[in-house]
Amino acid sequence: MEEEKMNLRLNMDAGSGSNPGDNPTNPVILDFDKVAEKEKAKAELPKQLQDRCRWLEEKFKAMESVDVIMELTLKI
């Protein structure tokens, strides 16, 4: 009786995984286009971040210039 429970449990564990790749009759097939898209996105992210930082720096410099002009105008 105990051995039957153990065998049943082992069989259930082997075939009831939530990962479809665990089932040898239903192998997972990679979509290489999606993999390539992800790799391309990973490569583009640092450039996008650098561009955004450069844009922010320009905006802050412009704001500082306006502050200086306003201070000079108020002093006059």
N, C-alpha and C. Protein backbone atom coordinates (compact mmCIF):
# COMPACT_ATOMS: atom_id res chain seq x y z
N MET A 1 0.83 -1.19 0.00
CA MET A 1 0.00 0.00 0.00
C MET A 1 0.88 1.25 0.00
N GLU A 2 1.86 1.32 0.87
CA GLU A 2 2.75 2.48 0.95
C GLU A 2 3.56 2.62 -0.34
N GLU A 3 3.99 1.50 -0.91
CA GLU A 3 4.75 1.53 -2.15
C GLU A 3 3.89 2.05 -3.31
N GLU A 4 2.62 1.68 -3.33
CA GLU A 4 1.71 2.15 -4.37
C GLU A 4 1.53 3.67 -4.28
N LYS A 5 1.41 4.19 -3.06
CA LYS A 5 1.27 5.63 -2.88
C LYS A 5 2.52 6.36 -3.39
N MET A 6 3.68 5.76 -3.09
CA MET A 6 4.94 6.37 -3.51
C MET A 6 5.04 6.37 -5.04
N ASN A 7 4.69 5.26 -5.69
CA ASN A 7 4.75 5.19 -7.15
C ASN A 7 3.77 6.18 -7.78
N LEU A 8 2.57 6.28 -7.21
CA LEU A 8 1.57 7.20 -7.72
C LEU A 8 2.08 8.64 -7.60
N ARG A 9 2.68 8.94 -6.47
CA ARG A 9 3.20 10.29 -6.24
C ARG A 9 4.32 10.61 -7.22
N LEU A 10 5.22 9.66 -7.46
CA LEU A 10 6.31 9.88 -8.40
C LEU A 10 5.77 10.11 -9.80
N ASN A 11 4.77 9.34 -10.20
CA ASN A 11 4.19 9.50 -11.53
C ASN A 11 3.52 10.86 -11.67
N MET A 12 2.83 11.30 -10.62
CA MET A 12 2.15 12.59 -10.67
C MET A 12 3.16 13.73 -10.73
N ASP A 13 4.24 13.61 -9.96
CA ASP A 13 5.27 14.65 -9.95
C ASP A 13 5.93 14.78 -11.32
N ALA A 14 6.14 13.66 -11.98
CA ALA A 14 6.84 13.68 -13.25
C ALA A 14 6.02 14.31 -14.36
N GLY A 15 4.71 14.14 -14.34
CA GLY A 15 3.90 14.61 -15.45
C GLY A 15 3.04 15.81 -15.16
N SER A 16 3.05 16.33 -13.98
CA SER A 16 2.12 17.40 -13.66
C SER A 16 2.79 18.76 -13.51
N GLY A 17 4.00 18.90 -14.03
CA GLY A 17 4.70 20.17 -13.90
C GLY A 17 4.01 21.28 -14.68
N SER A 18 4.17 22.50 -14.21
CA SER A 18 3.55 23.63 -14.89
C SER A 18 4.41 24.12 -16.04
N ASN A 19 5.63 23.62 -16.14
CA ASN A 19 6.52 24.00 -17.22
C ASN A 19 6.26 23.09 -18.41
N PRO A 20 5.76 23.62 -19.54
CA PRO A 20 5.45 22.76 -20.67
C PRO A 20 6.68 22.06 -21.23
N GLY A 21 7.86 22.59 -21.00
CA GLY A 21 9.07 21.95 -21.48
C GLY A 21 9.41 20.68 -20.73
N ASP A 22 8.77 20.46 -19.57
CA ASP A 22 9.01 19.25 -18.80
C ASP A 22 8.39 18.02 -19.47
N ASN A 23 7.43 18.24 -20.34
CA ASN A 23 6.73 17.14 -20.98
C ASN A 23 7.46 16.78 -22.27
N PRO A 24 8.06 15.57 -22.35
CA PRO A 24 8.84 15.21 -23.54
C PRO A 24 7.99 15.08 -24.80
N THR A 25 6.68 14.88 -24.67
CA THR A 25 5.83 14.78 -25.86
C THR A 25 5.43 16.15 -26.37
N ASN A 26 5.68 17.19 -25.60
CA ASN A 26 5.32 18.55 -26.00
C ASN A 26 6.51 19.48 -25.74
N PRO A 27 7.59 19.35 -26.53
CA PRO A 27 8.79 20.16 -26.26
C PRO A 27 8.54 21.64 -26.58
N VAL A 28 9.27 22.49 -25.88
CA VAL A 28 9.18 23.93 -26.11
C VAL A 28 10.07 24.27 -27.30
N ILE A 29 9.52 25.02 -28.25
CA ILE A 29 10.28 25.44 -29.42
C ILE A 29 10.49 26.95 -29.31
N LEU A 30 11.75 27.35 -29.31
CA LEU A 30 12.08 28.77 -29.17
C LEU A 30 11.73 29.53 -30.44
N ASP A 31 11.23 30.72 -30.27
CA ASP A 31 10.98 31.64 -31.38
C ASP A 31 12.18 32.56 -31.46
N PHE A 32 13.06 32.29 -32.41
CA PHE A 32 14.32 33.03 -32.49
C PHE A 32 14.11 34.49 -32.86
N ASP A 33 12.99 34.81 -33.51
CA ASP A 33 12.70 36.21 -33.80
C ASP A 33 12.48 36.98 -32.50
N LYS A 34 11.76 36.36 -31.55
CA LYS A 34 11.52 37.02 -30.26
C LYS A 34 12.82 37.15 -29.48
N VAL A 35 13.66 36.13 -29.55
CA VAL A 35 14.95 36.18 -28.87
C VAL A 35 15.79 37.32 -29.45
N ALA A 36 15.79 37.44 -30.77
CA ALA A 36 16.56 38.51 -31.42
C ALA A 36 16.00 39.88 -31.03
N GLU A 37 14.67 40.00 -30.94
CA GLU A 37 14.06 41.26 -30.53
C GLU A 37 14.50 41.65 -29.13
N LYS A 38 14.51 40.68 -28.23
CA LYS A 38 14.91 40.95 -26.85
C LYS A 38 16.37 41.40 -26.79
N GLU A 39 17.22 40.74 -27.55
CA GLU A 39 18.64 41.11 -27.56
C GLU A 39 18.82 42.51 -28.13
N LYS A 40 18.06 42.83 -29.17
CA LYS A 40 18.14 44.17 -29.76
C LYS A 40 17.68 45.22 -28.76
N ALA A 41 16.61 44.92 -28.03
CA ALA A 41 16.10 45.86 -27.03
C ALA A 41 17.13 46.07 -25.92
N LYS A 42 17.79 44.99 -25.50
CA LYS A 42 18.83 45.10 -24.47
C LYS A 42 19.96 46.00 -24.93
N ALA A 43 20.31 45.90 -26.20
CA ALA A 43 21.40 46.71 -26.74
C ALA A 43 20.99 48.17 -26.87
N GLU A 44 19.71 48.43 -27.15
CA GLU A 44 19.23 49.80 -27.35
C GLU A 44 18.99 50.53 -26.03
N LEU A 45 18.70 49.82 -24.97
CA LEU A 45 18.37 50.47 -23.70
C LEU A 45 19.46 51.40 -23.19
N PRO A 46 20.72 51.00 -23.16
CA PRO A 46 21.75 51.94 -22.67
C PRO A 46 21.83 53.21 -23.52
N LYS A 47 21.67 53.07 -24.84
CA LYS A 47 21.71 54.26 -25.71
C LYS A 47 20.52 55.17 -25.41
N GLN A 48 19.34 54.59 -25.22
CA GLN A 48 18.17 55.40 -24.90
C GLN A 48 18.35 56.13 -23.57
N LEU A 49 18.92 55.43 -22.60
CA LEU A 49 19.17 56.04 -21.29
C LEU A 49 20.17 57.19 -21.41
N GLN A 50 21.22 56.97 -22.17
CA GLN A 50 22.23 58.02 -22.37
C GLN A 50 21.61 59.23 -23.07
N ASP A 51 20.79 58.99 -24.09
CA ASP A 51 20.12 60.09 -24.79
C ASP A 51 19.20 60.86 -23.85
N ARG A 52 18.48 60.15 -23.01
CA ARG A 52 17.55 60.80 -22.07
C ARG A 52 18.32 61.64 -21.05
N CYS A 53 19.43 61.11 -20.57
CA CYS A 53 20.26 61.87 -19.61
C CYS A 53 20.81 63.14 -20.25
N ARG A 54 21.27 63.02 -21.49
CA ARG A 54 21.79 64.18 -22.21
C ARG A 54 20.69 65.23 -22.38
N TRP A 55 19.48 64.79 -22.72
CA TRP A 55 18.34 65.69 -22.89
C TRP A 55 18.03 66.41 -21.58
N LEU A 56 18.03 65.66 -20.46
CA LEU A 56 17.77 66.27 -19.16
C LEU A 56 18.84 67.29 -18.79
N GLU A 57 20.09 66.96 -19.06
CA GLU A 57 21.17 67.90 -18.77
C GLU A 57 20.97 69.21 -19.54
N GLU A 58 20.59 69.10 -20.80
CA GLU A 58 20.34 70.31 -21.60
C GLU A 58 19.20 71.13 -21.02
N LYS A 59 18.15 70.46 -20.58
CA LYS A 59 17.00 71.17 -20.00
C LYS A 59 17.40 71.88 -18.70
N PHE A 60 18.19 71.21 -17.87
CA PHE A 60 18.63 71.83 -16.62
C PHE A 60 19.52 73.04 -16.89
N LYS A 61 20.41 72.92 -17.87
CA LYS A 61 21.27 74.06 -18.23
C LYS A 61 20.43 75.23 -18.70
N ALA A 62 19.40 74.94 -19.50
CA ALA A 62 18.52 76.01 -19.98
C ALA A 62 17.79 76.67 -18.82
N MET A 63 17.34 75.86 -17.86
CA MET A 63 16.64 76.41 -16.69
C MET A 63 17.58 77.27 -15.86
N GLU A 64 18.84 76.83 -15.70
CA GLU A 64 19.82 77.62 -14.95
C GLU A 64 20.08 78.95 -15.64
N SER A 65 20.14 78.93 -16.96
CA SER A 65 20.36 80.18 -17.71
C SER A 65 19.21 81.15 -17.48
N VAL A 66 18.00 80.64 -17.49
CA VAL A 66 16.83 81.49 -17.25
C VAL A 66 16.88 82.06 -15.84
N ASP A 67 17.29 81.25 -14.87
CA ASP A 67 17.40 81.74 -13.49
C ASP A 67 18.41 82.88 -13.39
N VAL A 68 19.54 82.74 -14.05
CA VAL A 68 20.58 83.77 -14.01
C VAL A 68 20.05 85.05 -14.65
N ILE A 69 19.39 84.93 -15.78
CA ILE A 69 18.84 86.11 -16.47
C ILE A 69 17.80 86.79 -15.59
N MET A 70 16.94 86.00 -14.94
CA MET A 70 15.91 86.59 -14.07
C MET A 70 16.54 87.31 -12.89
N GLU A 71 17.60 86.74 -12.31
CA GLU A 71 18.28 87.39 -11.18
C GLU A 71 18.89 88.72 -11.62
N LEU A 72 19.52 88.72 -12.78
CA LEU A 72 20.11 89.96 -13.29
C LEU A 72 19.03 91.01 -13.56
N THR A 73 17.92 90.57 -14.10
CA THR A 73 16.83 91.49 -14.40
C THR A 73 16.27 92.09 -13.12
N LEU A 74 16.13 91.27 -12.09
CA LEU A 74 15.60 91.75 -10.82
C LEU A 74 16.56 92.72 -10.13
N LYS A 75 17.85 92.53 -10.31
CA LYS A 75 18.84 93.40 -9.67
C LYS A 75 18.92 94.76 -10.35
N ILE A 76 18.56 94.82 -11.58
CA ILE A 76 18.67 96.09 -12.33
C ILE A 76 17.58 97.03 -11.98
